[in-house]
Amino acid sequence: MKRVGFLLQVKPDKLEEYKARHQAVWPEMLDALRRTGWHNYSLFVRADGLLFGYLETPTSFQAARDGMAQEEINARWQDFMAPFFQNLTGAHADQSMLELQEVFHLD
């Protein structure tokens, strides 16, 4: 499994609603994530909106993102969540995730 860490920036004034929406992620979205290789997927956020995401995937981060790009539910979720992010470099947050380089892992 490849371990992936990434960063995004949530608008601080929308942080509470962002967290609330993640308490009720659509079941179809959860199924699509699992189906396209997003395992052990977690999100962590600071009070200023800096978001750290972590996942494990059997392929590569790009392959996992490409798989989700083929899922119709993903486009609807990305549109639904787009107002919460700042500094997006892609059309949606899932294409703007700044992948971090892993420098250490304790087995």
C-alpha atoms as a PDB file:
ATOM      1  CA  MET A   1       0.000   0.000   0.000  1.00  0.00           C
ATOM      2  CA  LYS A   2       1.189   3.469  -0.809  1.00  0.00           C
ATOM      3  CA  ARG A   3       0.678   5.964   2.007  1.00  0.00           C
ATOM      4  CA  VAL A   4      -0.340   9.462   0.889  1.00  0.00           C
ATOM      5  CA  GLY A   5      -0.508  12.728   2.790  1.00  0.00           C
ATOM      6  CA  PHE A   6      -1.888  15.906   1.268  1.00  0.00           C
ATOM      7  CA  LEU A   7      -2.815  19.484   2.154  1.00  0.00           C
ATOM      8  CA  LEU A   8      -5.732  21.749   1.298  1.00  0.00           C
ATOM      9  CA  GLN A   9      -6.993  25.006   2.781  1.00  0.00           C
ATOM     10  CA  VAL A  10     -10.544  25.332   4.085  1.00  0.00           C
ATOM     11  CA  LYS A  11     -11.930  28.845   4.486  1.00  0.00           C
ATOM     12  CA  PRO A  12     -11.787  29.473   8.243  1.00  0.00           C
ATOM     13  CA  ASP A  13     -15.235  31.073   8.308  1.00  0.00           C
ATOM     14  CA  LYS A  14     -16.713  27.898   6.765  1.00  0.00           C
ATOM     15  CA  LEU A  15     -14.862  25.407   8.938  1.00  0.00           C
ATOM     16  CA  GLU A  16     -17.743  24.376  11.196  1.00  0.00           C
ATOM     17  CA  GLU A  17     -20.066  23.700   8.263  1.00  0.00           C
ATOM     18  CA  TYR A  18     -17.256  21.821   6.481  1.00  0.00           C
ATOM     19  CA  LYS A  19     -16.869  19.553   9.512  1.00  0.00           C
ATOM     20  CA  ALA A  20     -20.641  19.057   9.759  1.00  0.00           C
ATOM     21  CA  ARG A  21     -20.879  17.973   6.117  1.00  0.00           C
ATOM     22  CA  HIS A  22     -18.224  15.343   6.765  1.00  0.00           C
ATOM     23  CA  GLN A  23     -20.362  13.856   9.521  1.00  0.00           C
ATOM     24  CA  ALA A  24     -22.865  12.947   6.794  1.00  0.00           C
ATOM     25  CA  VAL A  25     -20.852  12.005   3.697  1.00  0.00           C
ATOM     26  CA  TRP A  26     -23.184  10.506   1.108  1.00  0.00           C
ATOM     27  CA  PRO A  27     -23.120   6.684   1.148  1.00  0.00           C
ATOM     28  CA  GLU A  28     -22.608   6.636  -2.635  1.00  0.00           C
ATOM     29  CA  MET A  29     -19.497   8.797  -2.193  1.00  0.00           C
ATOM     30  CA  LEU A  30     -18.118   6.465   0.477  1.00  0.00           C
ATOM     31  CA  ASP A  31     -18.723   3.472  -1.811  1.00  0.00           C
ATOM     32  CA  ALA A  32     -16.935   5.210  -4.710  1.00  0.00           C
ATOM     33  CA  LEU A  33     -13.917   6.028  -2.527  1.00  0.00           C
ATOM     34  CA  ARG A  34     -13.613   2.426  -1.398  1.00  0.00           C
ATOM     35  CA  ARG A  35     -14.136   1.095  -4.935  1.00  0.00           C
ATOM     36  CA  THR A  36     -11.368   3.318  -6.361  1.00  0.00           C
ATOM     37  CA  GLY A  37      -8.718   2.406  -3.799  1.00  0.00           C
ATOM     38  CA  TRP A  38      -9.041   5.036  -1.051  1.00  0.00           C
ATOM     39  CA  HIS A  39      -8.364   3.092   2.163  1.00  0.00           C
ATOM     40  CA  ASN A  40      -7.801   4.288   5.717  1.00  0.00           C
ATOM     41  CA  TYR A  41      -8.802   7.756   4.483  1.00  0.00           C
ATOM     42  CA  SER A  42      -8.724  10.443   7.188  1.00  0.00           C
ATOM     43  CA  LEU A  43      -8.977  14.229   7.309  1.00  0.00           C
ATOM     44  CA  PHE A  44      -7.500  16.461  10.014  1.00  0.00           C
ATOM     45  CA  VAL A  45      -7.934  20.227  10.252  1.00  0.00           C
ATOM     46  CA  ARG A  46      -6.443  23.105  12.232  1.00  0.00           C
ATOM     47  CA  ALA A  47      -8.474  26.032  13.553  1.00  0.00           C
ATOM     48  CA  ASP A  48      -7.113  28.225  10.729  1.00  0.00           C
ATOM     49  CA  GLY A  49      -8.488  25.797   8.125  1.00  0.00           C
ATOM     50  CA  LEU A  50      -5.276  24.020   7.135  1.00  0.00           C
ATOM     51  CA  LEU A  51      -6.444  20.540   6.205  1.00  0.00           C
ATOM     52  CA  PHE A  52      -4.236  17.450   6.221  1.00  0.00           C
ATOM     53  CA  GLY A  53      -5.524  14.330   4.517  1.00  0.00           C
ATOM     54  CA  TYR A  54      -4.156  10.815   4.725  1.00  0.00           C
ATOM     55  CA  LEU A  55      -5.004   7.686   2.746  1.00  0.00           C
ATOM     56  CA  GLU A  56      -3.542   4.394   1.696  1.00  0.00           C
ATOM     57  CA  THR A  57      -3.976   3.091  -1.833  1.00  0.00           C
ATOM     58  CA  PRO A  58      -2.810  -0.072  -3.603  1.00  0.00           C
ATOM     59  CA  THR A  59      -1.800   1.876  -6.718  1.00  0.00           C
ATOM     60  CA  SER A  60      -0.722   5.512  -6.718  1.00  0.00           C
ATOM     61  CA  PHE A  61      -2.304   8.732  -5.540  1.00  0.00           C
ATOM     62  CA  GLN A  62      -2.820   9.805  -9.146  1.00  0.00           C
ATOM     63  CA  ALA A  63      -4.479   6.487 -10.005  1.00  0.00           C
ATOM     64  CA  ALA A  64      -6.787   6.831  -6.992  1.00  0.00           C
ATOM     65  CA  ARG A  65      -7.700  10.388  -8.047  1.00  0.00           C
ATOM     66  CA  ASP A  66      -8.186   9.287 -11.662  1.00  0.00           C
ATOM     67  CA  GLY A  67     -10.510   6.528 -10.490  1.00  0.00           C
ATOM     68  CA  MET A  68     -12.629   9.007  -8.559  1.00  0.00           C
ATOM     69  CA  ALA A  69     -12.698  11.357 -11.550  1.00  0.00           C
ATOM     70  CA  GLN A  70     -14.594   8.622 -13.407  1.00  0.00           C
ATOM     71  CA  GLU A  71     -17.277   8.449 -10.714  1.00  0.00           C
ATOM     72  CA  GLU A  72     -20.344  10.612 -11.352  1.00  0.00           C
ATOM     73  CA  ILE A  73     -20.977  10.980  -7.612  1.00  0.00           C
ATOM     74  CA  ASN A  74     -17.536  12.560  -7.214  1.00  0.00           C
ATOM     75  CA  ALA A  75     -18.371  15.470  -9.525  1.00  0.00           C
ATOM     76  CA  ARG A  76     -21.532  16.187  -7.513  1.00  0.00           C
ATOM     77  CA  TRP A  77     -19.644  15.971  -4.193  1.00  0.00           C
ATOM     78  CA  GLN A  78     -16.852  18.226  -5.448  1.00  0.00           C
ATOM     79  CA  ASP A  79     -19.398  20.831  -6.602  1.00  0.00           C
ATOM     80  CA  PHE A  80     -21.185  20.536  -3.239  1.00  0.00           C
ATOM     81  CA  MET A  81     -17.945  21.117  -1.313  1.00  0.00           C
ATOM     82  CA  ALA A  82     -16.231  23.680  -3.593  1.00  0.00           C
ATOM     83  CA  PRO A  83     -17.411  26.772  -1.639  1.00  0.00           C
ATOM     84  CA  PHE A  84     -15.430  25.625   1.405  1.00  0.00           C
ATOM     85  CA  PHE A  85     -11.955  25.799  -0.116  1.00  0.00           C
ATOM     86  CA  GLN A  86      -9.548  28.589  -0.895  1.00  0.00           C
ATOM     87  CA  ASN A  87      -6.477  28.631  -3.137  1.00  0.00           C
ATOM     88  CA  LEU A  88      -7.675  25.851  -5.425  1.00  0.00           C
ATOM     89  CA  THR A  89      -5.260  25.223  -8.278  1.00  0.00           C
ATOM     90  CA  GLY A  90      -7.567  22.811 -10.100  1.00  0.00           C
ATOM     91  CA  ALA A  91     -11.229  22.814 -11.007  1.00  0.00           C
ATOM     92  CA  HIS A  92     -12.078  21.061  -7.712  1.00  0.00           C
ATOM     93  CA  ALA A  93     -10.413  20.345  -4.392  1.00  0.00           C
ATOM     94  CA  ASP A  94      -9.665  16.737  -5.349  1.00  0.00           C
ATOM     95  CA  GLN A  95      -7.474  18.000  -8.199  1.00  0.00           C
ATOM     96  CA  SER A  96      -5.804  20.648  -6.004  1.00  0.00           C
ATOM     97  CA  MET A  97      -4.530  18.392  -3.233  1.00  0.00           C
ATOM     98  CA  LEU A  98      -0.864  19.172  -2.561  1.00  0.00           C
ATOM     99  CA  GLU A  99       0.774  15.766  -2.083  1.00  0.00           C
ATOM    100  CA  LEU A 100       3.410  15.619   0.639  1.00  0.00           C
ATOM    101  CA  GLN A 101       6.594  13.571   0.436  1.00  0.00           C
ATOM    102  CA  GLU A 102       6.811  10.792   3.002  1.00  0.00           C
ATOM    103  CA  VAL A 103      10.113  11.012   4.874  1.00  0.00           C
ATOM    104  CA  PHE A 104       9.600   8.490   7.664  1.00  0.00           C
ATOM    105  CA  HIS A 105       7.298   5.590   8.549  1.00  0.00           C
ATOM    106  CA  LEU A 106       7.473   3.412  11.660  1.00  0.00           C
ATOM    107  CA  ASP A 107       6.241  -0.102  10.847  1.00  0.00           C
END
